[in-house]
Amino acid sequence: MDNYKRIIKEIRKHRGELVLDIFEVVRLEGFHEDEDDYYYVFKSLYRGRFYSSCVGEFVPLKGRLSKKEYKELERVWELNVIKC
């Protein structure tokens, strides 16, 4: 499977979930490409929407945390989004 297909498959699988980027917990929103690179589109509580090169990866949190822990993370995320 080529990189493009692999990236799109991962994004479709985890779109809308909270994931761990290299710096923080972010929401995976989608995909962007230009003539130079492929990018994950993330939403950060602190930086807003931003692109991150697909050279790096993200760590899905759903399924790695217990359902209770993930639900609590979602709850706290939503509380902070309302305040931002």
PDB file of N, CA and C in Angstrom:
ATOM      1  N   MET A   1       0.854  -1.177   0.000  1.00  0.00           N
ATOM      2  CA  MET A   1       0.000   0.000   0.000  1.00  0.00           C
ATOM      3  C   MET A   1       0.904   1.245   0.000  1.00  0.00           C
ATOM      4  N   ASP A   2       0.619   2.181  -0.890  1.00  0.00           N
ATOM      5  CA  ASP A   2       1.461   3.374  -0.930  1.00  0.00           C
ATOM      6  C   ASP A   2       1.121   4.313   0.230  1.00  0.00           C
ATOM      7  N   ASN A   3       1.991   5.285   0.475  1.00  0.00           N
ATOM      8  CA  ASN A   3       1.838   6.192   1.621  1.00  0.00           C
ATOM      9  C   ASN A   3       0.521   6.947   1.595  1.00  0.00           C
ATOM     10  N   TYR A   4       0.127   7.455   0.435  1.00  0.00           N
ATOM     11  CA  TYR A   4      -1.126   8.209   0.330  1.00  0.00           C
ATOM     12  C   TYR A   4      -2.302   7.367   0.819  1.00  0.00           C
ATOM     13  N   LYS A   5      -2.420   6.161   0.316  1.00  0.00           N
ATOM     14  CA  LYS A   5      -3.536   5.278   0.698  1.00  0.00           C
ATOM     15  C   LYS A   5      -3.485   4.941   2.187  1.00  0.00           C
ATOM     16  N   ARG A   6      -2.291   4.691   2.705  1.00  0.00           N
ATOM     17  CA  ARG A   6      -2.135   4.369   4.126  1.00  0.00           C
ATOM     18  C   ARG A   6      -2.573   5.539   4.992  1.00  0.00           C
ATOM     19  N   ILE A   7      -2.149   6.744   4.614  1.00  0.00           N
ATOM     20  CA  ILE A   7      -2.503   7.949   5.372  1.00  0.00           C
ATOM     21  C   ILE A   7      -4.011   8.175   5.354  1.00  0.00           C
ATOM     22  N   ILE A   8      -4.614   8.100   4.180  1.00  0.00           N
ATOM     23  CA  ILE A   8      -6.062   8.309   4.051  1.00  0.00           C
ATOM     24  C   ILE A   8      -6.826   7.269   4.865  1.00  0.00           C
ATOM     25  N   LYS A   9      -6.380   6.034   4.844  1.00  0.00           N
ATOM     26  CA  LYS A   9      -7.032   4.959   5.614  1.00  0.00           C
ATOM     27  C   LYS A   9      -7.001   5.280   7.113  1.00  0.00           C
ATOM     28  N   GLU A  10      -5.845   5.709   7.621  1.00  0.00           N
ATOM     29  CA  GLU A  10      -5.721   6.055   9.041  1.00  0.00           C
ATOM     30  C   GLU A  10      -6.594   7.254   9.410  1.00  0.00           C
ATOM     31  N   ILE A  11      -6.626   8.246   8.547  1.00  0.00           N
ATOM     32  CA  ILE A  11      -7.442   9.432   8.816  1.00  0.00           C
ATOM     33  C   ILE A  11      -8.919   9.059   8.845  1.00  0.00           C
ATOM     34  N   ARG A  12      -9.371   8.278   7.886  1.00  0.00           N
ATOM     35  CA  ARG A  12     -10.790   7.856   7.872  1.00  0.00           C
ATOM     36  C   ARG A  12     -11.138   7.072   9.143  1.00  0.00           C
ATOM     37  N   LYS A  13     -10.220   6.256   9.575  1.00  0.00           N
ATOM     38  CA  LYS A  13     -10.448   5.421  10.763  1.00  0.00           C
ATOM     39  C   LYS A  13     -10.562   6.264  12.037  1.00  0.00           C
ATOM     40  N   HIS A  14      -9.802   7.370  12.110  1.00  0.00           N
ATOM     41  CA  HIS A  14      -9.720   8.132  13.363  1.00  0.00           C
ATOM     42  C   HIS A  14     -10.236   9.563  13.273  1.00  0.00           C
ATOM     43  N   ARG A  15     -10.803   9.965  12.136  1.00  0.00           N
ATOM     44  CA  ARG A  15     -11.305  11.334  11.981  1.00  0.00           C
ATOM     45  C   ARG A  15     -12.313  11.659  13.085  1.00  0.00           C
ATOM     46  N   GLY A  16     -12.136  12.835  13.674  1.00  0.00           N
ATOM     47  CA  GLY A  16     -13.033  13.287  14.729  1.00  0.00           C
ATOM     48  C   GLY A  16     -12.618  12.855  16.121  1.00  0.00           C
ATOM     49  N   GLU A  17     -11.618  11.992  16.213  1.00  0.00           N
ATOM     50  CA  GLU A  17     -11.160  11.509  17.519  1.00  0.00           C
ATOM     51  C   GLU A  17     -10.079  12.419  18.095  1.00  0.00           C
ATOM     52  N   LEU A  18      -9.941  12.341  19.403  1.00  0.00           N
ATOM     53  CA  LEU A  18      -8.815  12.986  20.059  1.00  0.00           C
ATOM     54  C   LEU A  18      -7.616  12.070  19.909  1.00  0.00           C
ATOM     55  N   VAL A  19      -6.500  12.654  19.498  1.00  0.00           N
ATOM     56  CA  VAL A  19      -5.272  11.897  19.274  1.00  0.00           C
ATOM     57  C   VAL A  19      -4.119  12.653  19.906  1.00  0.00           C
ATOM     58  N   LEU A  20      -3.017  11.978  20.053  1.00  0.00           N
ATOM     59  CA  LEU A  20      -1.827  12.614  20.599  1.00  0.00           C
ATOM     60  C   LEU A  20      -0.901  12.971  19.449  1.00  0.00           C
ATOM     61  N   ASP A  21      -0.709  14.269  19.262  1.00  0.00           N
ATOM     62  CA  ASP A  21       0.275  14.774  18.316  1.00  0.00           C
ATOM     63  C   ASP A  21       1.593  14.833  19.092  1.00  0.00           C
ATOM     64  N   ILE A  22       2.636  15.239  18.486  1.00  0.00           N
ATOM     65  CA  ILE A  22       3.925  15.274  19.179  1.00  0.00           C
ATOM     66  C   ILE A  22       3.915  16.199  20.397  1.00  0.00           C
ATOM     67  N   PHE A  23       3.086  17.255  20.378  1.00  0.00           N
ATOM     68  CA  PHE A  23       3.106  18.245  21.447  1.00  0.00           C
ATOM     69  C   PHE A  23       1.918  18.199  22.399  1.00  0.00           C
ATOM     70  N   GLU A  24       0.754  17.723  21.941  1.00  0.00           N
ATOM     71  CA  GLU A  24      -0.453  17.862  22.750  1.00  0.00           C
ATOM     72  C   GLU A  24      -1.563  16.939  22.260  1.00  0.00           C
ATOM     73  N   VAL A  25      -2.626  16.885  23.038  1.00  0.00           N
ATOM     74  CA  VAL A  25      -3.832  16.187  22.612  1.00  0.00           C
ATOM     75  C   VAL A  25      -4.574  17.127  21.666  1.00  0.00           C
ATOM     76  N   VAL A  26      -4.922  16.617  20.489  1.00  0.00           N
ATOM     77  CA  VAL A  26      -5.597  17.396  19.460  1.00  0.00           C
ATOM     78  C   VAL A  26      -6.727  16.558  18.866  1.00  0.00           C
ATOM     79  N   ARG A  27      -7.628  17.224  18.129  1.00  0.00           N
ATOM     80  CA  ARG A  27      -8.672  16.493  17.415  1.00  0.00           C
ATOM     81  C   ARG A  27      -8.247  16.362  15.956  1.00  0.00           C
ATOM     82  N   LEU A  28      -8.290  15.138  15.436  1.00  0.00           N
ATOM     83  CA  LEU A  28      -7.973  14.891  14.036  1.00  0.00           C
ATOM     84  C   LEU A  28      -9.181  15.292  13.197  1.00  0.00           C
ATOM     85  N   GLU A  29      -9.000  16.281  12.322  1.00  0.00           N
ATOM     86  CA  GLU A  29     -10.115  16.770  11.512  1.00  0.00           C
ATOM     87  C   GLU A  29     -10.076  16.310  10.064  1.00  0.00           C
ATOM     88  N   GLY A  30      -8.892  16.025   9.528  1.00  0.00           N
ATOM     89  CA  GLY A  30      -8.868  15.611   8.134  1.00  0.00           C
ATOM     90  C   GLY A  30      -7.489  15.604   7.522  1.00  0.00           C
ATOM     91  N   PHE A  31      -7.463  15.897   6.225  1.00  0.00           N
ATOM     92  CA  PHE A  31      -6.281  15.741   5.401  1.00  0.00           C
ATOM     93  C   PHE A  31      -6.159  16.938   4.464  1.00  0.00           C
ATOM     94  N   HIS A  32      -4.924  17.311   4.179  1.00  0.00           N
ATOM     95  CA  HIS A  32      -4.649  18.373   3.203  1.00  0.00           C
ATOM     96  C   HIS A  32      -3.379  17.989   2.452  1.00  0.00           C
ATOM     97  N   GLU A  33      -3.346  18.346   1.195  1.00  0.00           N
ATOM     98  CA  GLU A  33      -2.118  18.125   0.436  1.00  0.00           C
ATOM     99  C   GLU A  33      -1.828  19.343  -0.421  1.00  0.00           C
ATOM    100  N   ASP A  34      -0.556  19.567  -0.670  1.00  0.00           N
ATOM    101  CA  ASP A  34      -0.137  20.582  -1.620  1.00  0.00           C
ATOM    102  C   ASP A  34       0.994  19.993  -2.451  1.00  0.00           C
ATOM    103  N   GLU A  35       1.655  20.821  -3.227  1.00  0.00           N
ATOM    104  CA  GLU A  35       2.702  20.300  -4.112  1.00  0.00           C
ATOM    105  C   GLU A  35       3.920  19.781  -3.361  1.00  0.00           C
ATOM    106  N   ASP A  36       4.029  20.122  -2.071  1.00  0.00           N
ATOM    107  CA  ASP A  36       5.197  19.719  -1.297  1.00  0.00           C
ATOM    108  C   ASP A  36       5.004  18.521  -0.383  1.00  0.00           C
ATOM    109  N   ASP A  37       3.790  18.336   0.143  1.00  0.00           N
ATOM    110  CA  ASP A  37       3.638  17.341   1.203  1.00  0.00           C
ATOM    111  C   ASP A  37       2.172  16.974   1.411  1.00  0.00           C
ATOM    112  N   TYR A  38       1.963  15.940   2.234  1.00  0.00           N
ATOM    113  CA  TYR A  38       0.646  15.572   2.754  1.00  0.00           C
ATOM    114  C   TYR A  38       0.611  16.041   4.199  1.00  0.00           C
ATOM    115  N   TYR A  39      -0.582  16.474   4.661  1.00  0.00           N
ATOM    116  CA  TYR A  39      -0.707  17.002   6.012  1.00  0.00           C
ATOM    117  C   TYR A  39      -1.935  16.439   6.717  1.00  0.00           C
ATOM    118  N   TYR A  40      -1.775  16.180   8.008  1.00  0.00           N
ATOM    119  CA  TYR A  40      -2.924  15.944   8.872  1.00  0.00           C
ATOM    120  C   TYR A  40      -3.479  17.319   9.214  1.00  0.00           C
ATOM    121  N   VAL A  41      -4.802  17.412   9.313  1.00  0.00           N
ATOM    122  CA  VAL A  41      -5.425  18.648   9.787  1.00  0.00           C
ATOM    123  C   VAL A  41      -5.892  18.370  11.204  1.00  0.00           C
ATOM    124  N   PHE A  42      -5.350  19.119  12.142  1.00  0.00           N
ATOM    125  CA  PHE A  42      -5.662  18.962  13.555  1.00  0.00           C
ATOM    126  C   PHE A  42      -6.328  20.226  14.076  1.00  0.00           C
ATOM    127  N   LYS A  43      -7.074  20.071  15.161  1.00  0.00           N
ATOM    128  CA  LYS A  43      -7.596  21.220  15.895  1.00  0.00           C
ATOM    129  C   LYS A  43      -7.020  21.156  17.299  1.00  0.00           C
ATOM    130  N   SER A  44      -6.414  22.243  17.697  1.00  0.00           N
ATOM    131  CA  SER A  44      -5.792  22.359  19.008  1.00  0.00           C
ATOM    132  C   SER A  44      -6.591  23.349  19.845  1.00  0.00           C
ATOM    133  N   LEU A  45      -6.659  23.090  21.136  1.00  0.00           N
ATOM    134  CA  LEU A  45      -7.309  24.054  22.025  1.00  0.00           C
ATOM    135  C   LEU A  45      -6.537  25.361  22.064  1.00  0.00           C
ATOM    136  N   TYR A  46      -5.242  25.286  21.850  1.00  0.00           N
ATOM    137  CA  TYR A  46      -4.371  26.449  22.028  1.00  0.00           C
ATOM    138  C   TYR A  46      -3.986  27.118  20.718  1.00  0.00           C
ATOM    139  N   ARG A  47      -3.864  26.326  19.656  1.00  0.00           N
ATOM    140  CA  ARG A  47      -3.390  26.873  18.382  1.00  0.00           C
ATOM    141  C   ARG A  47      -4.474  26.939  17.321  1.00  0.00           C
ATOM    142  N   GLY A  48      -5.676  26.461  17.635  1.00  0.00           N
ATOM    143  CA  GLY A  48      -6.730  26.412  16.626  1.00  0.00           C
ATOM    144  C   GLY A  48      -6.439  25.319  15.615  1.00  0.00           C
ATOM    145  N   ARG A  49      -6.917  25.513  14.391  1.00  0.00           N
ATOM    146  CA  ARG A  49      -6.711  24.518  13.340  1.00  0.00           C
ATOM    147  C   ARG A  49      -5.303  24.686  12.764  1.00  0.00           C
ATOM    148  N   PHE A  50      -4.610  23.559  12.578  1.00  0.00           N
ATOM    149  CA  PHE A  50      -3.275  23.622  11.997  1.00  0.00           C
ATOM    150  C   PHE A  50      -2.967  22.352  11.221  1.00  0.00           C
ATOM    151  N   TYR A  51      -1.991  22.452  10.350  1.00  0.00           N
ATOM    152  CA  TYR A  51      -1.528  21.317   9.552  1.00  0.00           C
ATOM    153  C   TYR A  51      -0.249  20.763  10.169  1.00  0.00           C
ATOM    154  N   SER A  52      -0.123  19.454  10.114  1.00  0.00           N
ATOM    155  CA  SER A  52       1.089  18.797  10.577  1.00  0.00           C
ATOM    156  C   SER A  52       1.491  17.783   9.514  1.00  0.00           C
ATOM    157  N   SER A  53       2.725  17.825   9.098  1.00  0.00           N
ATOM    158  CA  SER A  53       3.193  16.941   8.036  1.00  0.00           C
ATOM    159  C   SER A  53       2.939  15.478   8.383  1.00  0.00           C
ATOM    160  N   CYS A  54       2.535  14.732   7.388  1.00  0.00           N
ATOM    161  CA  CYS A  54       2.316  13.298   7.575  1.00  0.00           C
ATOM    162  C   CYS A  54       3.630  12.532   7.670  1.00  0.00           C
ATOM    163  N   VAL A  55       4.766  13.228   7.592  1.00  0.00           N
ATOM    164  CA  VAL A  55       6.054  12.587   7.862  1.00  0.00           C
ATOM    165  C   VAL A  55       6.044  12.091   9.306  1.00  0.00           C
ATOM    166  N   GLY A  56       5.437  12.894  10.188  1.00  0.00           N
ATOM    167  CA  GLY A  56       5.235  12.465  11.570  1.00  0.00           C
ATOM    168  C   GLY A  56       3.977  11.631  11.665  1.00  0.00           C
ATOM    169  N   GLU A  57       3.689  11.159  12.841  1.00  0.00           N
ATOM    170  CA  GLU A  57       2.481  10.369  13.039  1.00  0.00           C
ATOM    171  C   GLU A  57       1.738  10.878  14.250  1.00  0.00           C
ATOM    172  N   PHE A  58       0.529  10.388  14.419  1.00  0.00           N
ATOM    173  CA  PHE A  58      -0.254  10.683  15.603  1.00  0.00           C
ATOM    174  C   PHE A  58      -0.549   9.374  16.319  1.00  0.00           C
ATOM    175  N   VAL A  59      -0.885   9.479  17.597  1.00  0.00           N
ATOM    176  CA  VAL A  59      -1.216   8.290  18.383  1.00  0.00           C
ATOM    177  C   VAL A  59      -2.706   8.344  18.704  1.00  0.00           C
ATOM    178  N   PRO A  60      -3.498   7.420  18.172  1.00  0.00           N
ATOM    179  CA  PRO A  60      -4.919   7.384  18.512  1.00  0.00           C
ATOM    180  C   PRO A  60      -5.087   7.067  20.004  1.00  0.00           C
ATOM    181  N   LEU A  61      -5.969   7.781  20.649  1.00  0.00           N
ATOM    182  CA  LEU A  61      -6.199   7.543  22.079  1.00  0.00           C
ATOM    183  C   LEU A  61      -7.410   6.651  22.329  1.00  0.00           C
ATOM    184  N   LYS A  62      -8.373   6.708  21.417  1.00  0.00           N
ATOM    185  CA  LYS A  62      -9.560   5.859  21.543  1.00  0.00           C
ATOM    186  C   LYS A  62      -9.124   4.413  21.340  1.00  0.00           C
ATOM    187  N   GLY A  63      -9.437   3.568  22.294  1.00  0.00           N
ATOM    188  CA  GLY A  63      -9.016   2.174  22.228  1.00  0.00           C
ATOM    189  C   GLY A  63      -7.735   1.911  23.012  1.00  0.00           C
ATOM    190  N   ARG A  64      -6.947   2.945  23.249  1.00  0.00           N
ATOM    191  CA  ARG A  64      -5.755   2.801  24.092  1.00  0.00           C
ATOM    192  C   ARG A  64      -6.079   3.188  25.517  1.00  0.00           C
ATOM    193  N   LEU A  65      -6.953   4.170  25.654  1.00  0.00           N
ATOM    194  CA  LEU A  65      -7.479   4.525  26.976  1.00  0.00           C
ATOM    195  C   LEU A  65      -8.724   3.690  27.203  1.00  0.00           C
ATOM    196  N   SER A  66      -9.096   3.504  28.444  1.00  0.00           N
ATOM    197  CA  SER A  66     -10.364   2.812  28.701  1.00  0.00           C
ATOM    198  C   SER A  66     -11.491   3.706  28.181  1.00  0.00           C
ATOM    199  N   LYS A  67     -12.661   3.124  27.971  1.00  0.00           N
ATOM    200  CA  LYS A  67     -13.807   3.925  27.506  1.00  0.00           C
ATOM    201  C   LYS A  67     -14.097   5.059  28.473  1.00  0.00           C
ATOM    202  N   LYS A  68     -13.997   4.773  29.766  1.00  0.00           N
ATOM    203  CA  LYS A  68     -14.250   5.788  30.791  1.00  0.00           C
ATOM    204  C   LYS A  68     -13.226   6.924  30.697  1.00  0.00           C
ATOM    205  N   GLU A  69     -11.949   6.566  30.544  1.00  0.00           N
ATOM    206  CA  GLU A  69     -10.893   7.586  30.445  1.00  0.00           C
ATOM    207  C   GLU A  69     -11.051   8.433  29.182  1.00  0.00           C
ATOM    208  N   TYR A  70     -11.367   7.782  28.062  1.00  0.00           N
ATOM    209  CA  TYR A  70     -11.527   8.519  26.812  1.00  0.00           C
ATOM    210  C   TYR A  70     -12.740   9.446  26.887  1.00  0.00           C
ATOM    211  N   LYS A  71     -13.828   8.949  27.454  1.00  0.00           N
ATOM    212  CA  LYS A  71     -15.036   9.760  27.599  1.00  0.00           C
ATOM    213  C   LYS A  71     -14.746  10.995  28.469  1.00  0.00           C
ATOM    214  N   GLU A  72     -13.968  10.829  29.524  1.00  0.00           N
ATOM    215  CA  GLU A  72     -13.593  11.953  30.385  1.00  0.00           C
ATOM    216  C   GLU A  72     -12.706  12.947  29.630  1.00  0.00           C
ATOM    217  N   LEU A  73     -11.782  12.439  28.830  1.00  0.00           N
ATOM    218  CA  LEU A  73     -10.945  13.315  28.017  1.00  0.00           C
ATOM    219  C   LEU A  73     -11.802  14.116  27.038  1.00  0.00           C
ATOM    220  N   GLU A  74     -12.759  13.487  26.404  1.00  0.00           N
ATOM    221  CA  GLU A  74     -13.697  14.175  25.508  1.00  0.00           C
ATOM    222  C   GLU A  74     -14.477  15.249  26.262  1.00  0.00           C
ATOM    223  N   ARG A  75     -14.939  14.924  27.456  1.00  0.00           N
ATOM    224  CA  ARG A  75     -15.716  15.870  28.259  1.00  0.00           C
ATOM    225  C   ARG A  75     -14.889  17.112  28.586  1.00  0.00           C
ATOM    226  N   VAL A  76     -13.672  16.888  29.033  1.00  0.00           N
ATOM    227  CA  VAL A  76     -12.787  18.008  29.379  1.00  0.00           C
ATOM    228  C   VAL A  76     -12.438  18.817  28.129  1.00  0.00           C
ATOM    229  N   TRP A  77     -12.194  18.142  27.022  1.00  0.00           N
ATOM    230  CA  TRP A  77     -11.920  18.824  25.761  1.00  0.00           C
ATOM    231  C   TRP A  77     -13.077  19.766  25.419  1.00  0.00           C
ATOM    232  N   GLU A  78     -14.289  19.258  25.460  1.00  0.00           N
ATOM    233  CA  GLU A  78     -15.464  20.055  25.104  1.00  0.00           C
ATOM    234  C   GLU A  78     -15.638  21.244  26.062  1.00  0.00           C
ATOM    235  N   LEU A  79     -15.382  21.046  27.325  1.00  0.00           N
ATOM    236  CA  LEU A  79     -15.469  22.165  28.277  1.00  0.00           C
ATOM    237  C   LEU A  79     -14.464  23.261  27.916  1.00  0.00           C
ATOM    238  N   ASN A  80     -13.287  22.866  27.510  1.00  0.00           N
ATOM    239  CA  ASN A  80     -12.257  23.842  27.145  1.00  0.00           C
ATOM    240  C   ASN A  80     -12.534  24.503  25.805  1.00  0.00           C
ATOM    241  N   VAL A  81     -13.134  23.792  24.868  1.00  0.00           N
ATOM    242  CA  VAL A  81     -13.485  24.387  23.584  1.00  0.00           C
ATOM    243  C   VAL A  81     -14.496  25.502  23.796  1.00  0.00           C
ATOM    244  N   ILE A  82     -15.460  25.287  24.672  1.00  0.00           N
ATOM    245  CA  ILE A  82     -16.485  26.302  24.949  1.00  0.00           C
ATOM    246  C   ILE A  82     -15.831  27.561  25.508  1.00  0.00           C
ATOM    247  N   LYS A  83     -14.804  27.406  26.316  1.00  0.00           N
ATOM    248  CA  LYS A  83     -14.141  28.560  26.938  1.00  0.00           C
ATOM    249  C   LYS A  83     -13.215  29.291  25.979  1.00  0.00           C
ATOM    250  N   CYS A  84     -12.746  28.612  24.929  1.00  0.00           N
ATOM    251  CA  CYS A  84     -11.786  29.244  23.992  1.00  0.00           C
ATOM    252  C   CYS A  84     -12.490  30.105  22.964  1.00  0.00           C
TER     253      CYS A  84
END
